[in-house]
């Protein structure tokens, strides 16, 4: 089980492998503790557990990252303030403007 835990921790398999690595690693450590000297692989079981938790952490970071990017992408668009049509239409000119006399 320790070897399987290490392999699952290395592969991650879309983070399902991480969950299996953690479960198998803890089961292997329990079995090694119950049969001291007869079964080896404590280091591999521990490595599988550590890699499994790293995989779960990467999943959490990925989910938070996608949610953050989704939040930025769905924000309301910023509308620039433009002049209204009334501001663009010319106002009536005074006589002084027509003839250029001040």
PDB file of N, CA and C in Angstrom:
ATOM      1  N   UNK A   1       0.810  -1.195   0.000  1.00  0.00           N
ATOM      2  CA  UNK A   1       0.000   0.000   0.000  1.00  0.00           C
ATOM      3  C   UNK A   1       0.854   1.260   0.000  1.00  0.00           C
ATOM      4  N   UNK A   2       2.037   1.189   0.581  1.00  0.00           N
ATOM      5  CA  UNK A   2       2.910   2.359   0.614  1.00  0.00           C
ATOM      6  C   UNK A   2       3.356   2.730  -0.795  1.00  0.00           C
ATOM      7  N   UNK A   3       3.658   1.744  -1.613  1.00  0.00           N
ATOM      8  CA  UNK A   3       4.066   1.999  -2.997  1.00  0.00           C
ATOM      9  C   UNK A   3       2.899   2.614  -3.775  1.00  0.00           C
ATOM     10  N   UNK A   4       1.713   2.078  -3.585  1.00  0.00           N
ATOM     11  CA  UNK A   4       0.537   2.611  -4.275  1.00  0.00           C
ATOM     12  C   UNK A   4       0.273   4.052  -3.836  1.00  0.00           C
ATOM     13  N   UNK A   5       0.464   4.349  -2.581  1.00  0.00           N
ATOM     14  CA  UNK A   5       0.281   5.710  -2.086  1.00  0.00           C
ATOM     15  C   UNK A   5       1.277   6.662  -2.744  1.00  0.00           C
ATOM     16  N   UNK A   6       2.526   6.223  -2.843  1.00  0.00           N
ATOM     17  CA  UNK A   6       3.548   7.056  -3.473  1.00  0.00           C
ATOM     18  C   UNK A   6       3.248   7.282  -4.949  1.00  0.00           C
ATOM     19  N   UNK A   7       2.837   6.232  -5.642  1.00  0.00           N
ATOM     20  CA  UNK A   7       2.523   6.350  -7.070  1.00  0.00           C
ATOM     21  C   UNK A   7       1.325   7.278  -7.289  1.00  0.00           C
ATOM     22  N   UNK A   8       0.282   7.114  -6.501  1.00  0.00           N
ATOM     23  CA  UNK A   8      -0.889   7.990  -6.632  1.00  0.00           C
ATOM     24  C   UNK A   8      -0.533   9.440  -6.304  1.00  0.00           C
ATOM     25  N   UNK A   9       0.327   9.635  -5.324  1.00  0.00           N
ATOM     26  CA  UNK A   9       0.752  10.987  -4.991  1.00  0.00           C
ATOM     27  C   UNK A   9       1.560  11.619  -6.110  1.00  0.00           C
ATOM     28  N   UNK A  10       2.347  10.827  -6.817  1.00  0.00           N
ATOM     29  CA  UNK A  10       3.131  11.353  -7.934  1.00  0.00           C
ATOM     30  C   UNK A  10       2.257  11.653  -9.148  1.00  0.00           C
ATOM     31  N   UNK A  11       1.266  10.839  -9.400  1.00  0.00           N
ATOM     32  CA  UNK A  11       0.452  11.002 -10.603  1.00  0.00           C
ATOM     33  C   UNK A  11      -0.654  12.042 -10.443  1.00  0.00           C
ATOM     34  N   UNK A  12      -1.195  12.176  -9.299  1.00  0.00           N
ATOM     35  CA  UNK A  12      -2.286  13.088  -8.943  1.00  0.00           C
ATOM     36  C   UNK A  12      -3.573  12.767  -9.683  1.00  0.00           C
ATOM     37  N   UNK A  13      -3.551  12.338 -10.884  1.00  0.00           N
ATOM     38  CA  UNK A  13      -4.712  11.905 -11.675  1.00  0.00           C
ATOM     39  C   UNK A  13      -5.937  12.788 -11.450  1.00  0.00           C
ATOM     40  N   UNK A  14      -5.815  14.045 -11.832  1.00  0.00           N
ATOM     41  CA  UNK A  14      -6.912  14.997 -11.702  1.00  0.00           C
ATOM     42  C   UNK A  14      -7.376  15.120 -10.258  1.00  0.00           C
ATOM     43  N   UNK A  15      -6.472  15.065  -9.348  1.00  0.00           N
ATOM     44  CA  UNK A  15      -6.669  15.231  -7.909  1.00  0.00           C
ATOM     45  C   UNK A  15      -7.434  14.091  -7.252  1.00  0.00           C
ATOM     46  N   UNK A  16      -7.956  13.159  -8.016  1.00  0.00           N
ATOM     47  CA  UNK A  16      -8.529  11.950  -7.407  1.00  0.00           C
ATOM     48  C   UNK A  16      -7.391  11.102  -6.853  1.00  0.00           C
ATOM     49  N   UNK A  17      -6.280  11.086  -7.567  1.00  0.00           N
ATOM     50  CA  UNK A  17      -5.097  10.363  -7.105  1.00  0.00           C
ATOM     51  C   UNK A  17      -4.580  10.904  -5.789  1.00  0.00           C
ATOM     52  N   UNK A  18      -4.746  12.193  -5.555  1.00  0.00           N
ATOM     53  CA  UNK A  18      -4.300  12.781  -4.301  1.00  0.00           C
ATOM     54  C   UNK A  18      -5.105  12.241  -3.121  1.00  0.00           C
ATOM     55  N   UNK A  19      -6.389  12.117  -3.312  1.00  0.00           N
ATOM     56  CA  UNK A  19      -7.247  11.568  -2.247  1.00  0.00           C
ATOM     57  C   UNK A  19      -6.880  10.109  -1.983  1.00  0.00           C
ATOM     58  N   UNK A  20      -6.666   9.352  -3.050  1.00  0.00           N
ATOM     59  CA  UNK A  20      -6.260   7.953  -2.881  1.00  0.00           C
ATOM     60  C   UNK A  20      -4.889   7.857  -2.221  1.00  0.00           C
ATOM     61  N   UNK A  21      -3.971   8.752  -2.577  1.00  0.00           N
ATOM     62  CA  UNK A  21      -2.641   8.741  -1.970  1.00  0.00           C
ATOM     63  C   UNK A  21      -2.722   8.971  -0.465  1.00  0.00           C
ATOM     64  N   UNK A  22      -3.573   9.876  -0.054  1.00  0.00           N
ATOM     65  CA  UNK A  22      -3.726  10.158   1.376  1.00  0.00           C
ATOM     66  C   UNK A  22      -4.321   8.953   2.092  1.00  0.00           C
ATOM     67  N   UNK A  23      -5.394   8.394   1.528  1.00  0.00           N
ATOM     68  CA  UNK A  23      -6.047   7.234   2.163  1.00  0.00           C
ATOM     69  C   UNK A  23      -5.103   6.036   2.244  1.00  0.00           C
ATOM     70  N   UNK A  24      -4.458   5.724   1.129  1.00  0.00           N
ATOM     71  CA  UNK A  24      -3.542   4.575   1.105  1.00  0.00           C
ATOM     72  C   UNK A  24      -2.323   4.816   1.999  1.00  0.00           C
ATOM     73  N   UNK A  25      -1.833   6.045   2.036  1.00  0.00           N
ATOM     74  CA  UNK A  25      -0.675   6.351   2.866  1.00  0.00           C
ATOM     75  C   UNK A  25      -0.963   6.177   4.348  1.00  0.00           C
ATOM     76  N   UNK A  26      -2.110   6.678   4.787  1.00  0.00           N
ATOM     77  CA  UNK A  26      -2.462   6.509   6.206  1.00  0.00           C
ATOM     78  C   UNK A  26      -2.734   5.035   6.539  1.00  0.00           C
ATOM     79  N   UNK A  27      -3.347   4.314   5.606  1.00  0.00           N
ATOM     80  CA  UNK A  27      -3.585   2.879   5.841  1.00  0.00           C
ATOM     81  C   UNK A  27      -2.266   2.116   5.904  1.00  0.00           C
ATOM     82  N   UNK A  28      -1.330   2.457   5.029  1.00  0.00           N
ATOM     83  CA  UNK A  28      -0.030   1.787   5.032  1.00  0.00           C
ATOM     84  C   UNK A  28       0.737   2.097   6.312  1.00  0.00           C
ATOM     85  N   UNK A  29       0.699   3.344   6.766  1.00  0.00           N
ATOM     86  CA  UNK A  29       1.393   3.686   8.012  1.00  0.00           C
ATOM     87  C   UNK A  29       0.792   2.958   9.201  1.00  0.00           C
ATOM     88  N   UNK A  30      -0.537   2.823   9.210  1.00  0.00           N
ATOM     89  CA  UNK A  30      -1.183   2.082  10.299  1.00  0.00           C
ATOM     90  C   UNK A  30      -0.761   0.619  10.267  1.00  0.00           C
ATOM     91  N   UNK A  31      -0.715   0.029   9.070  1.00  0.00           N
ATOM     92  CA  UNK A  31      -0.317  -1.378   8.938  1.00  0.00           C
ATOM     93  C   UNK A  31       1.147  -1.573   9.335  1.00  0.00           C
ATOM     94  N   UNK A  32       2.008  -0.643   8.973  1.00  0.00           N
ATOM     95  CA  UNK A  32       3.425  -0.729   9.340  1.00  0.00           C
ATOM     96  C   UNK A  32       3.588  -0.588  10.857  1.00  0.00           C
ATOM     97  N   UNK A  33       2.817   0.296  11.464  1.00  0.00           N
ATOM     98  CA  UNK A  33       2.884   0.472  12.912  1.00  0.00           C
ATOM     99  C   UNK A  33       2.403  -0.770  13.663  1.00  0.00           C
ATOM    100  N   UNK A  34       1.403  -1.466  13.123  1.00  0.00           N
ATOM    101  CA  UNK A  34       0.869  -2.659  13.783  1.00  0.00           C
ATOM    102  C   UNK A  34       1.789  -3.865  13.636  1.00  0.00           C
ATOM    103  N   UNK A  35       2.633  -3.907  12.601  1.00  0.00           N
ATOM    104  CA  UNK A  35       3.563  -5.014  12.368  1.00  0.00           C
ATOM    105  C   UNK A  35       4.992  -4.488  12.282  1.00  0.00           C
ATOM    106  N   UNK A  36       5.581  -4.070  13.406  1.00  0.00           N
ATOM    107  CA  UNK A  36       6.921  -3.487  13.341  1.00  0.00           C
ATOM    108  C   UNK A  36       7.968  -4.519  12.934  1.00  0.00           C
ATOM    109  N   UNK A  37       8.898  -4.112  12.082  1.00  0.00           N
ATOM    110  CA  UNK A  37       9.983  -4.989  11.655  1.00  0.00           C
ATOM    111  C   UNK A  37       9.613  -5.927  10.526  1.00  0.00           C
ATOM    112  N   UNK A  38       8.358  -6.266  10.398  1.00  0.00           N
ATOM    113  CA  UNK A  38       7.930  -7.217   9.369  1.00  0.00           C
ATOM    114  C   UNK A  38       7.601  -6.522   8.047  1.00  0.00           C
ATOM    115  N   UNK A  39       7.033  -5.347   8.127  1.00  0.00           N
ATOM    116  CA  UNK A  39       6.637  -4.597   6.932  1.00  0.00           C
ATOM    117  C   UNK A  39       7.443  -3.300   6.898  1.00  0.00           C
ATOM    118  N   UNK A  40       7.961  -2.987   5.717  1.00  0.00           N
ATOM    119  CA  UNK A  40       8.718  -1.752   5.536  1.00  0.00           C
ATOM    120  C   UNK A  40       7.968  -0.820   4.594  1.00  0.00           C
ATOM    121  N   UNK A  41       8.454   0.411   4.494  1.00  0.00           N
ATOM    122  CA  UNK A  41       7.853   1.361   3.573  1.00  0.00           C
ATOM    123  C   UNK A  41       7.299   2.594   4.250  1.00  0.00           C
ATOM    124  N   UNK A  42       7.747   2.851   5.468  1.00  0.00           N
ATOM    125  CA  UNK A  42       7.267   4.029   6.199  1.00  0.00           C
ATOM    126  C   UNK A  42       7.552   5.308   5.409  1.00  0.00           C
ATOM    127  N   UNK A  43       8.729   5.403   4.822  1.00  0.00           N
ATOM    128  CA  UNK A  43       9.099   6.598   4.066  1.00  0.00           C
ATOM    129  C   UNK A  43       8.235   6.788   2.823  1.00  0.00           C
ATOM    130  N   UNK A  44       7.960   5.696   2.113  1.00  0.00           N
ATOM    131  CA  UNK A  44       7.120   5.796   0.925  1.00  0.00           C
ATOM    132  C   UNK A  44       5.694   6.189   1.295  1.00  0.00           C
ATOM    133  N   UNK A  45       5.187   5.656   2.390  1.00  0.00           N
ATOM    134  CA  UNK A  45       3.840   6.013   2.831  1.00  0.00           C
ATOM    135  C   UNK A  45       3.770   7.493   3.201  1.00  0.00           C
ATOM    136  N   UNK A  46       4.783   7.965   3.914  1.00  0.00           N
ATOM    137  CA  UNK A  46       4.820   9.375   4.290  1.00  0.00           C
ATOM    138  C   UNK A  46       4.945  10.267   3.057  1.00  0.00           C
ATOM    139  N   UNK A  47       5.772   9.874   2.099  1.00  0.00           N
ATOM    140  CA  UNK A  47       5.911  10.653   0.858  1.00  0.00           C
ATOM    141  C   UNK A  47       4.591  10.691   0.099  1.00  0.00           C
ATOM    142  N   UNK A  48       3.867   9.572   0.063  1.00  0.00           N
ATOM    143  CA  UNK A  48       2.565   9.553  -0.596  1.00  0.00           C
ATOM    144  C   UNK A  48       1.569  10.478   0.083  1.00  0.00           C
ATOM    145  N   UNK A  49       1.599  10.502   1.408  1.00  0.00           N
ATOM    146  CA  UNK A  49       0.703  11.392   2.152  1.00  0.00           C
ATOM    147  C   UNK A  49       1.036  12.858   1.868  1.00  0.00           C
ATOM    148  N   UNK A  50       2.313  13.184   1.893  1.00  0.00           N
ATOM    149  CA  UNK A  50       2.730  14.566   1.651  1.00  0.00           C
ATOM    150  C   UNK A  50       2.352  14.991   0.232  1.00  0.00           C
ATOM    151  N   UNK A  51       2.630  14.147  -0.754  1.00  0.00           N
ATOM    152  CA  UNK A  51       2.279  14.481  -2.136  1.00  0.00           C
ATOM    153  C   UNK A  51       0.764  14.575  -2.319  1.00  0.00           C
ATOM    154  N   UNK A  52       0.029  13.754  -1.613  1.00  0.00           N
ATOM    155  CA  UNK A  52      -1.428  13.831  -1.680  1.00  0.00           C
ATOM    156  C   UNK A  52      -1.945  15.155  -1.150  1.00  0.00           C
ATOM    157  N   UNK A  53      -1.398  15.611  -0.029  1.00  0.00           N
ATOM    158  CA  UNK A  53      -1.833  16.899   0.524  1.00  0.00           C
ATOM    159  C   UNK A  53      -1.402  18.063  -0.366  1.00  0.00           C
ATOM    160  N   UNK A  54      -0.253  17.928  -1.013  1.00  0.00           N
ATOM    161  CA  UNK A  54       0.167  18.962  -1.969  1.00  0.00           C
ATOM    162  C   UNK A  54      -0.820  19.016  -3.128  1.00  0.00           C
ATOM    163  N   UNK A  55      -1.260  17.845  -3.603  1.00  0.00           N
ATOM    164  CA  UNK A  55      -2.246  17.801  -4.685  1.00  0.00           C
ATOM    165  C   UNK A  55      -3.567  18.435  -4.279  1.00  0.00           C
ATOM    166  N   UNK A  56      -4.012  18.183  -3.054  1.00  0.00           N
ATOM    167  CA  UNK A  56      -5.251  18.796  -2.559  1.00  0.00           C
ATOM    168  C   UNK A  56      -5.069  20.312  -2.452  1.00  0.00           C
ATOM    169  N   UNK A  57      -3.902  20.748  -1.995  1.00  0.00           N
ATOM    170  CA  UNK A  57      -3.626  22.182  -1.920  1.00  0.00           C
ATOM    171  C   UNK A  57      -3.629  22.829  -3.299  1.00  0.00           C
ATOM    172  N   UNK A  58      -3.061  22.132  -4.276  1.00  0.00           N
ATOM    173  CA  UNK A  58      -3.070  22.659  -5.645  1.00  0.00           C
ATOM    174  C   UNK A  58      -4.501  22.757  -6.186  1.00  0.00           C
ATOM    175  N   UNK A  59      -5.337  21.804  -5.837  1.00  0.00           N
ATOM    176  CA  UNK A  59      -6.738  21.857  -6.238  1.00  0.00           C
ATOM    177  C   UNK A  59      -7.418  23.088  -5.641  1.00  0.00           C
ATOM    178  N   UNK A  60      -7.158  23.336  -4.361  1.00  0.00           N
ATOM    179  CA  UNK A  60      -7.764  24.497  -3.705  1.00  0.00           C
ATOM    180  C   UNK A  60      -7.293  25.798  -4.348  1.00  0.00           C
ATOM    181  N   UNK A  61      -5.997  25.895  -4.637  1.00  0.00           N
ATOM    182  CA  UNK A  61      -5.462  27.097  -5.276  1.00  0.00           C
ATOM    183  C   UNK A  61      -6.062  27.277  -6.665  1.00  0.00           C
ATOM    184  N   UNK A  62      -6.232  26.189  -7.405  1.00  0.00           N
ATOM    185  CA  UNK A  62      -6.807  26.248  -8.744  1.00  0.00           C
ATOM    186  C   UNK A  62      -8.258  26.729  -8.692  1.00  0.00           C
ATOM    187  N   UNK A  63      -9.032  26.201  -7.761  1.00  0.00           N
ATOM    188  CA  UNK A  63     -10.434  26.605  -7.637  1.00  0.00           C
ATOM    189  C   UNK A  63     -10.536  28.082  -7.271  1.00  0.00           C
ATOM    190  N   UNK A  64      -9.737  28.520  -6.316  1.00  0.00           N
ATOM    191  CA  UNK A  64      -9.754  29.933  -5.915  1.00  0.00           C
ATOM    192  C   UNK A  64      -9.315  30.815  -7.080  1.00  0.00           C
ATOM    193  N   UNK A  65      -8.301  30.383  -7.817  1.00  0.00           N
ATOM    194  CA  UNK A  65      -7.830  31.156  -8.967  1.00  0.00           C
ATOM    195  C   UNK A  65      -8.880  31.286 -10.045  1.00  0.00           C
ATOM    196  N   UNK A  66      -9.559  30.190 -10.367  1.00  0.00           N
ATOM    197  CA  UNK A  66     -10.610  30.249 -11.377  1.00  0.00           C
ATOM    198  C   UNK A  66     -11.771  31.132 -10.928  1.00  0.00           C
ATOM    199  N   UNK A  67     -12.122  31.050  -9.660  1.00  0.00           N
ATOM    200  CA  UNK A  67     -13.214  31.894  -9.165  1.00  0.00           C
ATOM    201  C   UNK A  67     -12.823  33.359  -9.203  1.00  0.00           C
ATOM    202  N   UNK A  68     -11.565  33.647  -8.881  1.00  0.00           N
ATOM    203  CA  UNK A  68     -11.091  35.022  -8.925  1.00  0.00           C
ATOM    204  C   UNK A  68     -11.107  35.541 -10.365  1.00  0.00           C
ATOM    205  N   UNK A  69     -10.599  34.748 -11.294  1.00  0.00           N
ATOM    206  CA  UNK A  69     -10.595  35.169 -12.692  1.00  0.00           C
ATOM    207  C   UNK A  69     -12.009  35.308 -13.238  1.00  0.00           C
ATOM    208  N   UNK A  70     -12.888  34.440 -12.831  1.00  0.00           N
ATOM    209  CA  UNK A  70     -14.283  34.506 -13.272  1.00  0.00           C
ATOM    210  C   UNK A  70     -14.939  35.787 -12.752  1.00  0.00           C
ATOM    211  N   UNK A  71     -14.600  36.145 -11.514  1.00  0.00           N
ATOM    212  CA  UNK A  71     -15.162  37.357 -10.924  1.00  0.00           C
ATOM    213  C   UNK A  71     -14.675  38.589 -11.685  1.00  0.00           C
ATOM    214  N   UNK A  72     -13.415  38.604 -12.077  1.00  0.00           N
ATOM    215  CA  UNK A  72     -12.882  39.732 -12.833  1.00  0.00           C
ATOM    216  C   UNK A  72     -13.530  39.792 -14.207  1.00  0.00           C
ATOM    217  N   UNK A  73     -13.719  38.628 -14.833  1.00  0.00           N
ATOM    218  CA  UNK A  73     -14.252  38.571 -16.193  1.00  0.00           C
ATOM    219  C   UNK A  73     -15.715  38.983 -16.258  1.00  0.00           C
ATOM    220  N   UNK A  74     -16.482  38.742 -15.215  1.00  0.00           N
ATOM    221  CA  UNK A  74     -17.909  39.031 -15.242  1.00  0.00           C
ATOM    222  C   UNK A  74     -18.260  40.378 -14.612  1.00  0.00           C
ATOM    223  N   UNK A  75     -17.255  41.184 -14.313  1.00  0.00           N
ATOM    224  CA  UNK A  75     -17.520  42.501 -13.741  1.00  0.00           C
ATOM    225  C   UNK A  75     -18.210  43.371 -14.783  1.00  0.00           C
ATOM    226  N   UNK A  76     -19.062  44.287 -14.348  1.00  0.00           N
ATOM    227  CA  UNK A  76     -19.750  45.141 -15.319  1.00  0.00           C
ATOM    228  C   UNK A  76     -18.733  45.991 -16.072  1.00  0.00           C
ATOM    229  N   UNK A  77     -18.971  46.208 -17.345  1.00  0.00           N
ATOM    230  CA  UNK A  77     -18.008  46.992 -18.128  1.00  0.00           C
ATOM    231  C   UNK A  77     -17.980  48.442 -17.665  1.00  0.00           C
ATOM    232  N   UNK A  78     -16.830  49.037 -17.775  1.00  0.00           N
ATOM    233  CA  UNK A  78     -16.681  50.434 -17.396  1.00  0.00           C
ATOM    234  C   UNK A  78     -17.121  51.280 -18.587  1.00  0.00           C
ATOM    235  N   UNK A  79     -18.098  52.131 -18.371  1.00  0.00           N
ATOM    236  CA  UNK A  79     -18.631  52.974 -19.436  1.00  0.00           C
ATOM    237  C   UNK A  79     -17.965  54.343 -19.336  1.00  0.00           C
ATOM    238  N   UNK A  80     -17.343  54.730 -20.427  1.00  0.00           N
ATOM    239  CA  UNK A  80     -16.713  56.036 -20.436  1.00  0.00           C
ATOM    240  C   UNK A  80     -17.780  57.128 -20.483  1.00  0.00           C
ATOM    241  N   UNK A  81     -17.508  58.201 -19.794  1.00  0.00           N
ATOM    242  CA  UNK A  81     -18.436  59.325 -19.826  1.00  0.00           C
ATOM    243  C   UNK A  81     -18.231  60.060 -21.141  1.00  0.00           C
ATOM    244  N   UNK A  82     -19.269  60.129 -21.916  1.00  0.00           N
ATOM    245  CA  UNK A  82     -19.189  60.821 -23.201  1.00  0.00           C
ATOM    246  C   UNK A  82     -20.117  62.021 -23.168  1.00  0.00           C
ATOM    247  N   UNK A  83     -19.834  62.933 -24.055  1.00  0.00           N
ATOM    248  CA  UNK A  83     -20.706  64.098 -24.123  1.00  0.00           C
ATOM    249  C   UNK A  83     -22.038  63.674 -24.720  1.00  0.00           C
ATOM    250  N   UNK A  84     -23.063  64.286 -24.256  1.00  0.00           N
ATOM    251  CA  UNK A  84     -24.381  63.968 -24.776  1.00  0.00           C
ATOM    252  C   UNK A  84     -24.568  64.615 -26.141  1.00  0.00           C
ATOM    253  N   UNK A  85     -25.593  64.226 -26.828  1.00  0.00           N
ATOM    254  CA  UNK A  85     -25.893  64.777 -28.144  1.00  0.00           C
ATOM    255  C   UNK A  85     -26.203  66.270 -28.054  1.00  0.00           C
ATOM    256  N   UNK A  86     -26.787  66.679 -26.967  1.00  0.00           N
ATOM    257  CA  UNK A  86     -27.118  68.094 -26.796  1.00  0.00           C
ATOM    258  C   UNK A  86     -25.855  68.932 -26.722  1.00  0.00           C
ATOM    259  N   UNK A  87     -24.783  68.391 -26.177  1.00  0.00           N
ATOM    260  CA  UNK A  87     -23.545  69.146 -26.081  1.00  0.00           C
ATOM    261  C   UNK A  87     -22.867  69.259 -27.433  1.00  0.00           C
ATOM    262  N   UNK A  88     -23.150  68.327 -28.326  1.00  0.00           N
ATOM    263  CA  UNK A  88     -22.526  68.334 -29.636  1.00  0.00           C
ATOM    264  C   UNK A  88     -23.251  69.280 -30.586  1.00  0.00           C
ATOM    265  N   UNK A  89     -24.546  69.413 -30.461  1.00  0.00           N
ATOM    266  CA  UNK A  89     -25.331  70.287 -31.337  1.00  0.00           C
ATOM    267  C   UNK A  89     -24.914  71.723 -31.080  1.00  0.00           C
ATOM    268  N   UNK A  90     -24.707  72.466 -32.162  1.00  0.00           N
ATOM    269  CA  UNK A  90     -24.243  73.840 -32.015  1.00  0.00           C
ATOM    270  C   UNK A  90     -25.333  74.720 -31.425  1.00  0.00           C
ATOM    271  N   UNK A  91     -24.908  75.593 -30.606  1.00  0.00           N
ATOM    272  CA  UNK A  91     -25.835  76.570 -30.049  1.00  0.00           C
ATOM    273  C   UNK A  91     -25.982  77.711 -31.053  1.00  0.00           C
ATOM    274  N   UNK A  92     -27.039  78.423 -30.959  1.00  0.00           N
ATOM    275  CA  UNK A  92     -27.193  79.566 -31.886  1.00  0.00           C
ATOM    276  C   UNK A  92     -26.110  80.608 -31.640  1.00  0.00           C
ATOM    277  N   UNK A  93     -25.573  81.102 -32.705  1.00  0.00           N
ATOM    278  CA  UNK A  93     -24.513  82.102 -32.590  1.00  0.00           C
ATOM    279  C   UNK A  93     -25.085  83.497 -32.445  1.00  0.00           C
ATOM    280  N   UNK A  94     -24.384  84.284 -31.706  1.00  0.00           N
ATOM    281  CA  UNK A  94     -24.772  85.689 -31.556  1.00  0.00           C
ATOM    282  C   UNK A  94     -24.249  86.464 -32.760  1.00  0.00           C
ATOM    283  N   UNK A  95     -24.773  87.650 -32.948  1.00  0.00           N
ATOM    284  CA  UNK A  95     -24.392  88.484 -34.089  1.00  0.00           C
ATOM    285  C   UNK A  95     -22.909  88.806 -34.067  1.00  0.00           C
ATOM    286  N   UNK A  96     -22.366  88.978 -32.868  1.00  0.00           N
ATOM    287  CA  UNK A  96     -20.960  89.310 -32.772  1.00  0.00           C
ATOM    288  C   UNK A  96     -20.091  88.146 -33.248  1.00  0.00           C
ATOM    289  N   UNK A  97     -20.514  86.947 -33.030  1.00  0.00           N
ATOM    290  CA  UNK A  97     -19.745  85.794 -33.478  1.00  0.00           C
ATOM    291  C   UNK A  97     -19.818  85.654 -34.986  1.00  0.00           C
ATOM    292  N   UNK A  98     -20.968  86.012 -35.576  1.00  0.00           N
ATOM    293  CA  UNK A  98     -21.119  85.893 -37.029  1.00  0.00           C
ATOM    294  C   UNK A  98     -20.204  86.844 -37.767  1.00  0.00           C
ATOM    295  N   UNK A  99     -20.111  88.026 -37.268  1.00  0.00           N
ATOM    296  CA  UNK A  99     -19.363  89.051 -38.008  1.00  0.00           C
ATOM    297  C   UNK A  99     -17.962  89.222 -37.492  1.00  0.00           C
ATOM    298  N   UNK A 100     -17.611  88.590 -36.436  1.00  0.00           N
ATOM    299  CA  UNK A 100     -16.246  88.660 -35.926  1.00  0.00           C
ATOM    300  C   UNK A 100     -15.915  89.941 -35.233  1.00  0.00           C
ATOM    301  N   UNK A 101     -16.906  90.775 -34.927  1.00  0.00           N
ATOM    302  CA  UNK A 101     -16.603  91.994 -34.204  1.00  0.00           C
ATOM    303  C   UNK A 101     -16.766  91.742 -32.712  1.00  0.00           C
ATOM    304  N   UNK A 102     -15.968  92.328 -31.971  1.00  0.00           N
ATOM    305  CA  UNK A 102     -15.998  92.053 -30.551  1.00  0.00           C
ATOM    306  C   UNK A 102     -16.728  93.142 -29.881  1.00  0.00           C
TER     307      UNK A 102
END
